[in-house]
Amino acid sequence: LFFLISSIANLSAILSGLTTRMLSGW
């Protein structure tokens, strides 16, 4: 269960952080 909620948090970190970094390259 800890792994499950941690995976949701990891997905949120990637979507909120990497999406903007990819766009900043363009």
mmCIF file of all heavy atoms, coordinates in Angstrom:
data_MODEL
# 
_entry.id   MODEL 
# 
loop_
_atom_site.group_PDB 
_atom_site.id 
_atom_site.type_symbol 
_atom_site.label_atom_id 
_atom_site.label_alt_id 
_atom_site.label_comp_id 
_atom_site.label_asym_id 
_atom_site.label_entity_id 
_atom_site.label_seq_id 
_atom_site.pdbx_PDB_ins_code 
_atom_site.Cartn_x 
_atom_site.Cartn_y 
_atom_site.Cartn_z 
_atom_site.occupancy 
_atom_site.B_iso_or_equiv 
_atom_site.pdbx_formal_charge 
_atom_site.auth_seq_id 
_atom_site.auth_comp_id 
_atom_site.auth_asym_id 
_atom_site.auth_atom_id 
_atom_site.pdbx_PDB_model_num 
ATOM 1   N N   . LEU A 1 1  ? 0.829  -1.201 0.000   1.00 0.00 ? 1  LEU A N   1 
ATOM 2   C CA  . LEU A 1 1  ? 0.000  0.000  0.000   1.00 0.00 ? 1  LEU A CA  1 
ATOM 3   C C   . LEU A 1 1  ? 0.867  1.255  0.000   1.00 0.00 ? 1  LEU A C   1 
ATOM 4   O O   . LEU A 1 1  ? 0.567  2.240  -0.687  1.00 0.00 ? 1  LEU A O   1 
ATOM 5   C CB  . LEU A 1 1  ? -0.941 -0.004 1.206   1.00 0.00 ? 1  LEU A CB  1 
ATOM 6   C CG  . LEU A 1 1  ? -2.005 1.098  1.246   1.00 0.00 ? 1  LEU A CG  1 
ATOM 7   C CD1 . LEU A 1 1  ? -2.860 1.085  -0.024  1.00 0.00 ? 1  LEU A CD1 1 
ATOM 8   C CD2 . LEU A 1 1  ? -2.896 0.927  2.478   1.00 0.00 ? 1  LEU A CD2 1 
ATOM 9   N N   . PHE A 1 2  ? 1.960  1.216  0.769   1.00 0.00 ? 2  PHE A N   1 
ATOM 10  C CA  . PHE A 1 2  ? 2.915  2.331  0.730   1.00 0.00 ? 2  PHE A CA  1 
ATOM 11  C C   . PHE A 1 2  ? 3.486  2.481  -0.678  1.00 0.00 ? 2  PHE A C   1 
ATOM 12  O O   . PHE A 1 2  ? 3.637  3.595  -1.186  1.00 0.00 ? 2  PHE A O   1 
ATOM 13  C CB  . PHE A 1 2  ? 4.057  2.100  1.721   1.00 0.00 ? 2  PHE A CB  1 
ATOM 14  C CG  . PHE A 1 2  ? 3.709  2.420  3.150   1.00 0.00 ? 2  PHE A CG  1 
ATOM 15  C CD1 . PHE A 1 2  ? 3.935  1.497  4.161   1.00 0.00 ? 2  PHE A CD1 1 
ATOM 16  C CD2 . PHE A 1 2  ? 3.163  3.646  3.500   1.00 0.00 ? 2  PHE A CD2 1 
ATOM 17  C CE1 . PHE A 1 2  ? 3.623  1.786  5.484   1.00 0.00 ? 2  PHE A CE1 1 
ATOM 18  C CE2 . PHE A 1 2  ? 2.852  3.957  4.812   1.00 0.00 ? 2  PHE A CE2 1 
ATOM 19  C CZ  . PHE A 1 2  ? 3.073  3.024  5.807   1.00 0.00 ? 2  PHE A CZ  1 
ATOM 20  N N   . PHE A 1 3  ? 3.835  1.352  -1.312  1.00 0.00 ? 3  PHE A N   1 
ATOM 21  C CA  . PHE A 1 3  ? 4.352  1.387  -2.680  1.00 0.00 ? 3  PHE A CA  1 
ATOM 22  C C   . PHE A 1 3  ? 3.320  1.980  -3.642  1.00 0.00 ? 3  PHE A C   1 
ATOM 23  O O   . PHE A 1 3  ? 3.671  2.742  -4.549  1.00 0.00 ? 3  PHE A O   1 
ATOM 24  C CB  . PHE A 1 3  ? 4.726  -0.025 -3.151  1.00 0.00 ? 3  PHE A CB  1 
ATOM 25  C CG  . PHE A 1 3  ? 5.992  -0.565 -2.564  1.00 0.00 ? 3  PHE A CG  1 
ATOM 26  C CD1 . PHE A 1 3  ? 6.297  -1.911 -2.652  1.00 0.00 ? 3  PHE A CD1 1 
ATOM 27  C CD2 . PHE A 1 3  ? 6.888  0.266  -1.915  1.00 0.00 ? 3  PHE A CD2 1 
ATOM 28  C CE1 . PHE A 1 3  ? 7.463  -2.429 -2.114  1.00 0.00 ? 3  PHE A CE1 1 
ATOM 29  C CE2 . PHE A 1 3  ? 8.065  -0.235 -1.367  1.00 0.00 ? 3  PHE A CE2 1 
ATOM 30  C CZ  . PHE A 1 3  ? 8.350  -1.592 -1.470  1.00 0.00 ? 3  PHE A CZ  1 
ATOM 31  N N   . LEU A 1 4  ? 2.058  1.620  -3.461  1.00 0.00 ? 4  LEU A N   1 
ATOM 32  C CA  . LEU A 1 4  ? 0.985  2.092  -4.348  1.00 0.00 ? 4  LEU A CA  1 
ATOM 33  C C   . LEU A 1 4  ? 0.845  3.614  -4.283  1.00 0.00 ? 4  LEU A C   1 
ATOM 34  O O   . LEU A 1 4  ? 0.849  4.298  -5.320  1.00 0.00 ? 4  LEU A O   1 
ATOM 35  C CB  . LEU A 1 4  ? -0.334 1.418  -3.973  1.00 0.00 ? 4  LEU A CB  1 
ATOM 36  C CG  . LEU A 1 4  ? -1.597 1.933  -4.683  1.00 0.00 ? 4  LEU A CG  1 
ATOM 37  C CD1 . LEU A 1 4  ? -1.482 1.748  -6.192  1.00 0.00 ? 4  LEU A CD1 1 
ATOM 38  C CD2 . LEU A 1 4  ? -2.841 1.234  -4.137  1.00 0.00 ? 4  LEU A CD2 1 
ATOM 39  N N   . ILE A 1 5  ? 0.721  4.163  -3.075  1.00 0.00 ? 5  ILE A N   1 
ATOM 40  C CA  . ILE A 1 5  ? 0.556  5.616  -2.938  1.00 0.00 ? 5  ILE A CA  1 
ATOM 41  C C   . ILE A 1 5  ? 1.836  6.342  -3.350  1.00 0.00 ? 5  ILE A C   1 
ATOM 42  O O   . ILE A 1 5  ? 1.786  7.436  -3.932  1.00 0.00 ? 5  ILE A O   1 
ATOM 43  C CB  . ILE A 1 5  ? 0.162  5.986  -1.493  1.00 0.00 ? 5  ILE A CB  1 
ATOM 44  C CG1 . ILE A 1 5  ? -1.051 5.169  -1.034  1.00 0.00 ? 5  ILE A CG1 1 
ATOM 45  C CG2 . ILE A 1 5  ? -0.148 7.471  -1.381  1.00 0.00 ? 5  ILE A CG2 1 
ATOM 46  C CD1 . ILE A 1 5  ? -2.270 5.336  -1.914  1.00 0.00 ? 5  ILE A CD1 1 
ATOM 47  N N   . SER A 1 6  ? 2.982  5.716  -3.077  1.00 0.00 ? 6  SER A N   1 
ATOM 48  C CA  . SER A 1 6  ? 4.249  6.306  -3.505  1.00 0.00 ? 6  SER A CA  1 
ATOM 49  C C   . SER A 1 6  ? 4.337  6.368  -5.027  1.00 0.00 ? 6  SER A C   1 
ATOM 50  O O   . SER A 1 6  ? 4.866  7.340  -5.587  1.00 0.00 ? 6  SER A O   1 
ATOM 51  C CB  . SER A 1 6  ? 5.418  5.483  -2.950  1.00 0.00 ? 6  SER A CB  1 
ATOM 52  O OG  . SER A 1 6  ? 6.654  6.004  -3.348  1.00 0.00 ? 6  SER A OG  1 
ATOM 53  N N   . SER A 1 7  ? 3.797  5.361  -5.709  1.00 0.00 ? 7  SER A N   1 
ATOM 54  C CA  . SER A 1 7  ? 3.794  5.363  -7.177  1.00 0.00 ? 7  SER A CA  1 
ATOM 55  C C   . SER A 1 7  ? 2.909  6.488  -7.715  1.00 0.00 ? 7  SER A C   1 
ATOM 56  O O   . SER A 1 7  ? 3.238  7.123  -8.730  1.00 0.00 ? 7  SER A O   1 
ATOM 57  C CB  . SER A 1 7  ? 3.305  4.014  -7.711  1.00 0.00 ? 7  SER A CB  1 
ATOM 58  O OG  . SER A 1 7  ? 4.197  2.978  -7.373  1.00 0.00 ? 7  SER A OG  1 
ATOM 59  N N   . ILE A 1 8  ? 1.786  6.727  -7.052  1.00 0.00 ? 8  ILE A N   1 
ATOM 60  C CA  . ILE A 1 8  ? 0.913  7.848  -7.448  1.00 0.00 ? 8  ILE A CA  1 
ATOM 61  C C   . ILE A 1 8  ? 1.662  9.168  -7.277  1.00 0.00 ? 8  ILE A C   1 
ATOM 62  O O   . ILE A 1 8  ? 1.593  10.061 -8.134  1.00 0.00 ? 8  ILE A O   1 
ATOM 63  C CB  . ILE A 1 8  ? -0.385 7.844  -6.623  1.00 0.00 ? 8  ILE A CB  1 
ATOM 64  C CG1 . ILE A 1 8  ? -1.200 6.576  -6.917  1.00 0.00 ? 8  ILE A CG1 1 
ATOM 65  C CG2 . ILE A 1 8  ? -1.227 9.088  -6.904  1.00 0.00 ? 8  ILE A CG2 1 
ATOM 66  C CD1 . ILE A 1 8  ? -2.412 6.392  -6.023  1.00 0.00 ? 8  ILE A CD1 1 
ATOM 67  N N   . ALA A 1 9  ? 2.400  9.307  -6.158  1.00 0.00 ? 9  ALA A N   1 
ATOM 68  C CA  . ALA A 1 9  ? 3.186  10.529 -5.919  1.00 0.00 ? 9  ALA A CA  1 
ATOM 69  C C   . ALA A 1 9  ? 4.305  10.666 -6.954  1.00 0.00 ? 9  ALA A C   1 
ATOM 70  O O   . ALA A 1 9  ? 4.585  11.772 -7.436  1.00 0.00 ? 9  ALA A O   1 
ATOM 71  C CB  . ALA A 1 9  ? 3.761  10.509 -4.506  1.00 0.00 ? 9  ALA A CB  1 
ATOM 72  N N   . ASN A 1 10 ? 4.954  9.548  -7.304  1.00 0.00 ? 10 ASN A N   1 
ATOM 73  C CA  . ASN A 1 10 ? 6.004  9.581  -8.330  1.00 0.00 ? 10 ASN A CA  1 
ATOM 74  C C   . ASN A 1 10 ? 5.447  10.028 -9.674  1.00 0.00 ? 10 ASN A C   1 
ATOM 75  O O   . ASN A 1 10 ? 6.071  10.822 -10.388 1.00 0.00 ? 10 ASN A O   1 
ATOM 76  C CB  . ASN A 1 10 ? 6.639  8.196  -8.479  1.00 0.00 ? 10 ASN A CB  1 
ATOM 77  C CG  . ASN A 1 10 ? 7.606  7.867  -7.363  1.00 0.00 ? 10 ASN A CG  1 
ATOM 78  O OD1 . ASN A 1 10 ? 8.259  8.745  -6.817  1.00 0.00 ? 10 ASN A OD1 1 
ATOM 79  N ND2 . ASN A 1 10 ? 7.690  6.604  -6.999  1.00 0.00 ? 10 ASN A ND2 1 
ATOM 80  N N   . LEU A 1 11 ? 4.277  9.515  -10.029 1.00 0.00 ? 11 LEU A N   1 
ATOM 81  C CA  . LEU A 1 11 ? 3.644  9.911  -11.293 1.00 0.00 ? 11 LEU A CA  1 
ATOM 82  C C   . LEU A 1 11 ? 3.313  11.402 -11.283 1.00 0.00 ? 11 LEU A C   1 
ATOM 83  O O   . LEU A 1 11 ? 3.527  12.104 -12.279 1.00 0.00 ? 11 LEU A O   1 
ATOM 84  C CB  . LEU A 1 11 ? 2.374  9.083  -11.520 1.00 0.00 ? 11 LEU A CB  1 
ATOM 85  C CG  . LEU A 1 11 ? 1.585  9.377  -12.800 1.00 0.00 ? 11 LEU A CG  1 
ATOM 86  C CD1 . LEU A 1 11 ? 2.442  9.114  -14.025 1.00 0.00 ? 11 LEU A CD1 1 
ATOM 87  C CD2 . LEU A 1 11 ? 0.307  8.547  -12.844 1.00 0.00 ? 11 LEU A CD2 1 
ATOM 88  N N   . SER A 1 12 ? 2.814  11.888 -10.150 1.00 0.00 ? 12 SER A N   1 
ATOM 89  C CA  . SER A 1 12 ? 2.506  13.313 -10.020 1.00 0.00 ? 12 SER A CA  1 
ATOM 90  C C   . SER A 1 12 ? 3.761  14.168 -10.156 1.00 0.00 ? 12 SER A C   1 
ATOM 91  O O   . SER A 1 12 ? 3.747  15.227 -10.794 1.00 0.00 ? 12 SER A O   1 
ATOM 92  C CB  . SER A 1 12 ? 1.831  13.579 -8.668  1.00 0.00 ? 12 SER A CB  1 
ATOM 93  O OG  . SER A 1 12 ? 1.617  14.952 -8.457  1.00 0.00 ? 12 SER A OG  1 
ATOM 94  N N   . ALA A 1 13 ? 4.882  13.704 -9.569  1.00 0.00 ? 13 ALA A N   1 
ATOM 95  C CA  . ALA A 1 13 ? 6.139  14.449 -9.663  1.00 0.00 ? 13 ALA A CA  1 
ATOM 96  C C   . ALA A 1 13 ? 6.626  14.521 -11.104 1.00 0.00 ? 13 ALA A C   1 
ATOM 97  O O   . ALA A 1 13 ? 7.104  15.575 -11.558 1.00 0.00 ? 13 ALA A O   1 
ATOM 98  C CB  . ALA A 1 13 ? 7.195  13.786 -8.782  1.00 0.00 ? 13 ALA A CB  1 
ATOM 99  N N   . ILE A 1 14 ? 6.503  13.424 -11.833 1.00 0.00 ? 14 ILE A N   1 
ATOM 100 C CA  . ILE A 1 14 ? 6.947  13.407 -13.229 1.00 0.00 ? 14 ILE A CA  1 
ATOM 101 C C   . ILE A 1 14 ? 6.070  14.313 -14.090 1.00 0.00 ? 14 ILE A C   1 
ATOM 102 O O   . ILE A 1 14 ? 6.564  15.095 -14.909 1.00 0.00 ? 14 ILE A O   1 
ATOM 103 C CB  . ILE A 1 14 ? 6.945  11.961 -13.768 1.00 0.00 ? 14 ILE A CB  1 
ATOM 104 C CG1 . ILE A 1 14 ? 8.096  11.172 -13.126 1.00 0.00 ? 14 ILE A CG1 1 
ATOM 105 C CG2 . ILE A 1 14 ? 7.083  11.936 -15.290 1.00 0.00 ? 14 ILE A CG2 1 
ATOM 106 C CD1 . ILE A 1 14 ? 8.113  9.701  -13.469 1.00 0.00 ? 14 ILE A CD1 1 
ATOM 107 N N   . LEU A 1 15 ? 4.756  14.216 -13.909 1.00 0.00 ? 15 LEU A N   1 
ATOM 108 C CA  . LEU A 1 15 ? 3.844  15.029 -14.721 1.00 0.00 ? 15 LEU A CA  1 
ATOM 109 C C   . LEU A 1 15 ? 3.993  16.520 -14.431 1.00 0.00 ? 15 LEU A C   1 
ATOM 110 O O   . LEU A 1 15 ? 3.961  17.351 -15.345 1.00 0.00 ? 15 LEU A O   1 
ATOM 111 C CB  . LEU A 1 15 ? 2.401  14.585 -14.477 1.00 0.00 ? 15 LEU A CB  1 
ATOM 112 C CG  . LEU A 1 15 ? 2.026  13.176 -14.973 1.00 0.00 ? 15 LEU A CG  1 
ATOM 113 C CD1 . LEU A 1 15 ? 0.595  12.840 -14.592 1.00 0.00 ? 15 LEU A CD1 1 
ATOM 114 C CD2 . LEU A 1 15 ? 2.219  13.060 -16.473 1.00 0.00 ? 15 LEU A CD2 1 
ATOM 115 N N   . SER A 1 16 ? 4.159  16.871 -13.152 1.00 0.00 ? 16 SER A N   1 
ATOM 116 C CA  . SER A 1 16 ? 4.258  18.289 -12.790 1.00 0.00 ? 16 SER A CA  1 
ATOM 117 C C   . SER A 1 16 ? 5.638  18.866 -13.068 1.00 0.00 ? 16 SER A C   1 
ATOM 118 O O   . SER A 1 16 ? 5.780  20.067 -13.330 1.00 0.00 ? 16 SER A O   1 
ATOM 119 C CB  . SER A 1 16 ? 3.906  18.487 -11.312 1.00 0.00 ? 16 SER A CB  1 
ATOM 120 O OG  . SER A 1 16 ? 4.800  17.747 -10.475 1.00 0.00 ? 16 SER A OG  1 
ATOM 121 N N   . GLY A 1 17 ? 6.671  18.019 -13.004 1.00 0.00 ? 17 GLY A N   1 
ATOM 122 C CA  . GLY A 1 17 ? 8.023  18.523 -13.176 1.00 0.00 ? 17 GLY A CA  1 
ATOM 123 C C   . GLY A 1 17 ? 8.588  18.381 -14.574 1.00 0.00 ? 17 GLY A C   1 
ATOM 124 O O   . GLY A 1 17 ? 9.109  19.341 -15.153 1.00 0.00 ? 17 GLY A O   1 
ATOM 125 N N   . LEU A 1 18 ? 8.467  17.188 -15.157 1.00 0.00 ? 18 LEU A N   1 
ATOM 126 C CA  . LEU A 1 18 ? 9.111  16.947 -16.441 1.00 0.00 ? 18 LEU A CA  1 
ATOM 127 C C   . LEU A 1 18 ? 8.355  17.536 -17.627 1.00 0.00 ? 18 LEU A C   1 
ATOM 128 O O   . LEU A 1 18 ? 8.964  17.873 -18.646 1.00 0.00 ? 18 LEU A O   1 
ATOM 129 C CB  . LEU A 1 18 ? 9.287  15.436 -16.658 1.00 0.00 ? 18 LEU A CB  1 
ATOM 130 C CG  . LEU A 1 18 ? 10.593 14.841 -16.139 1.00 0.00 ? 18 LEU A CG  1 
ATOM 131 C CD1 . LEU A 1 18 ? 10.674 13.367 -16.466 1.00 0.00 ? 18 LEU A CD1 1 
ATOM 132 C CD2 . LEU A 1 18 ? 11.796 15.569 -16.726 1.00 0.00 ? 18 LEU A CD2 1 
ATOM 133 N N   . THR A 1 19 ? 7.040  17.639 -17.506 1.00 0.00 ? 19 THR A N   1 
ATOM 134 C CA  . THR A 1 19 ? 6.266  18.220 -18.610 1.00 0.00 ? 19 THR A CA  1 
ATOM 135 C C   . THR A 1 19 ? 6.760  19.629 -18.923 1.00 0.00 ? 19 THR A C   1 
ATOM 136 O O   . THR A 1 19 ? 6.987  19.991 -20.090 1.00 0.00 ? 19 THR A O   1 
ATOM 137 C CB  . THR A 1 19 ? 4.767  18.272 -18.258 1.00 0.00 ? 19 THR A CB  1 
ATOM 138 O OG1 . THR A 1 19 ? 4.324  16.959 -17.907 1.00 0.00 ? 19 THR A OG1 1 
ATOM 139 C CG2 . THR A 1 19 ? 3.953  18.770 -19.432 1.00 0.00 ? 19 THR A CG2 1 
ATOM 140 N N   . THR A 1 20 ? 6.961  20.422 -17.884 1.00 0.00 ? 20 THR A N   1 
ATOM 141 C CA  . THR A 1 20 ? 7.417  21.803 -18.092 1.00 0.00 ? 20 THR A CA  1 
ATOM 142 C C   . THR A 1 20 ? 8.866  21.856 -18.559 1.00 0.00 ? 20 THR A C   1 
ATOM 143 O O   . THR A 1 20 ? 9.244  22.738 -19.330 1.00 0.00 ? 20 THR A O   1 
ATOM 144 C CB  . THR A 1 20 ? 7.262  22.616 -16.794 1.00 0.00 ? 20 THR A CB  1 
ATOM 145 O OG1 . THR A 1 20 ? 7.992  21.970 -15.741 1.00 0.00 ? 20 THR A OG1 1 
ATOM 146 C CG2 . THR A 1 20 ? 5.804  22.722 -16.397 1.00 0.00 ? 20 THR A CG2 1 
ATOM 147 N N   . ARG A 1 21 ? 9.697  20.920 -18.107 1.00 0.00 ? 21 ARG A N   1 
ATOM 148 C CA  . ARG A 1 21 ? 11.096 20.919 -18.530 1.00 0.00 ? 21 ARG A CA  1 
ATOM 149 C C   . ARG A 1 21 ? 11.215 20.561 -20.009 1.00 0.00 ? 21 ARG A C   1 
ATOM 150 O O   . ARG A 1 21 ? 12.067 21.090 -20.723 1.00 0.00 ? 21 ARG A O   1 
ATOM 151 C CB  . ARG A 1 21 ? 11.916 19.948 -17.682 1.00 0.00 ? 21 ARG A CB  1 
ATOM 152 C CG  . ARG A 1 21 ? 12.036 20.384 -16.234 1.00 0.00 ? 21 ARG A CG  1 
ATOM 153 C CD  . ARG A 1 21 ? 13.148 19.642 -15.517 1.00 0.00 ? 21 ARG A CD  1 
ATOM 154 N NE  . ARG A 1 21 ? 14.456 20.074 -15.969 1.00 0.00 ? 21 ARG A NE  1 
ATOM 155 C CZ  . ARG A 1 21 ? 15.040 21.213 -15.611 1.00 0.00 ? 21 ARG A CZ  1 
ATOM 156 N NH1 . ARG A 1 21 ? 14.412 22.049 -14.808 1.00 0.00 ? 21 ARG A NH1 1 
ATOM 157 N NH2 . ARG A 1 21 ? 16.239 21.511 -16.052 1.00 0.00 ? 21 ARG A NH2 1 
ATOM 158 N N   . MET A 1 22 ? 10.376 19.636 -20.468 1.00 0.00 ? 22 MET A N   1 
ATOM 159 C CA  . MET A 1 22 ? 10.375 19.305 -21.895 1.00 0.00 ? 22 MET A CA  1 
ATOM 160 C C   . MET A 1 22 ? 9.952  20.514 -22.723 1.00 0.00 ? 22 MET A C   1 
ATOM 161 O O   . MET A 1 22 ? 10.542 20.824 -23.745 1.00 0.00 ? 22 MET A O   1 
ATOM 162 C CB  . MET A 1 22 ? 9.439  18.127 -22.161 1.00 0.00 ? 22 MET A CB  1 
ATOM 163 C CG  . MET A 1 22 ? 9.957  16.795 -21.653 1.00 0.00 ? 22 MET A CG  1 
ATOM 164 S SD  . MET A 1 22 ? 8.941  15.402 -22.203 1.00 0.00 ? 22 MET A SD  1 
ATOM 165 C CE  . MET A 1 22 ? 7.379  15.808 -21.435 1.00 0.00 ? 22 MET A CE  1 
ATOM 166 N N   . LEU A 1 23 ? 8.922  21.203 -22.250 1.00 0.00 ? 23 LEU A N   1 
ATOM 167 C CA  . LEU A 1 23 ? 8.434  22.379 -22.977 1.00 0.00 ? 23 LEU A CA  1 
ATOM 168 C C   . LEU A 1 23 ? 9.457  23.513 -22.962 1.00 0.00 ? 23 LEU A C   1 
ATOM 169 O O   . LEU A 1 23 ? 9.574  24.274 -23.933 1.00 0.00 ? 23 LEU A O   1 
ATOM 170 C CB  . LEU A 1 23 ? 7.116  22.864 -22.365 1.00 0.00 ? 23 LEU A CB  1 
ATOM 171 C CG  . LEU A 1 23 ? 5.909  21.934 -22.542 1.00 0.00 ? 23 LEU A CG  1 
ATOM 172 C CD1 . LEU A 1 23 ? 4.719  22.462 -21.766 1.00 0.00 ? 23 LEU A CD1 1 
ATOM 173 C CD2 . LEU A 1 23 ? 5.561  21.773 -24.016 1.00 0.00 ? 23 LEU A CD2 1 
ATOM 174 N N   . SER A 1 24 ? 10.202 23.615 -21.851 1.00 0.00 ? 24 SER A N   1 
ATOM 175 C CA  . SER A 1 24 ? 11.200 24.695 -21.762 1.00 0.00 ? 24 SER A CA  1 
ATOM 176 C C   . SER A 1 24 ? 12.304 24.521 -22.801 1.00 0.00 ? 24 SER A C   1 
ATOM 177 O O   . SER A 1 24 ? 12.923 25.496 -23.231 1.00 0.00 ? 24 SER A O   1 
ATOM 178 C CB  . SER A 1 24 ? 11.806 24.749 -20.356 1.00 0.00 ? 24 SER A CB  1 
ATOM 179 O OG  . SER A 1 24 ? 12.580 23.584 -20.098 1.00 0.00 ? 24 SER A OG  1 
ATOM 180 N N   . GLY A 1 25 ? 12.558 23.276 -23.198 1.00 0.00 ? 25 GLY A N   1 
ATOM 181 C CA  . GLY A 1 25 ? 13.559 23.038 -24.233 1.00 0.00 ? 25 GLY A CA  1 
ATOM 182 C C   . GLY A 1 25 ? 13.146 23.579 -25.587 1.00 0.00 ? 25 GLY A C   1 
ATOM 183 O O   . GLY A 1 25 ? 13.978 23.790 -26.471 1.00 0.00 ? 25 GLY A O   1 
ATOM 184 N N   . TRP A 1 26 ? 11.834 23.809 -25.743 1.00 0.00 ? 26 TRP A N   1 
ATOM 185 C CA  . TRP A 1 26 ? 11.321 24.363 -27.004 1.00 0.00 ? 26 TRP A CA  1 
ATOM 186 C C   . TRP A 1 26 ? 10.719 25.765 -26.789 1.00 0.00 ? 26 TRP A C   1 
ATOM 187 O O   . TRP A 1 26 ? 9.953  26.254 -27.611 1.00 0.00 ? 26 TRP A O   1 
ATOM 188 C CB  . TRP A 1 26 ? 10.249 23.439 -27.576 1.00 0.00 ? 26 TRP A CB  1 
ATOM 189 C CG  . TRP A 1 26 ? 10.731 22.027 -27.706 1.00 0.00 ? 26 TRP A CG  1 
ATOM 190 C CD1 . TRP A 1 26 ? 10.565 21.016 -26.812 1.00 0.00 ? 26 TRP A CD1 1 
ATOM 191 C CD2 . TRP A 1 26 ? 11.508 21.475 -28.772 1.00 0.00 ? 26 TRP A CD2 1 
ATOM 192 N NE1 . TRP A 1 26 ? 11.164 19.862 -27.245 1.00 0.00 ? 26 TRP A NE1 1 
ATOM 193 C CE2 . TRP A 1 26 ? 11.751 20.109 -28.450 1.00 0.00 ? 26 TRP A CE2 1 
ATOM 194 C CE3 . TRP A 1 26 ? 12.010 21.992 -29.972 1.00 0.00 ? 26 TRP A CE3 1 
ATOM 195 C CZ2 . TRP A 1 26 ? 12.480 19.269 -29.280 1.00 0.00 ? 26 TRP A CZ2 1 
ATOM 196 C CZ3 . TRP A 1 26 ? 12.741 21.139 -30.800 1.00 0.00 ? 26 TRP A CZ3 1 
ATOM 197 C CH2 . TRP A 1 26 ? 12.966 19.806 -30.453 1.00 0.00 ? 26 TRP A CH2 1 
# 
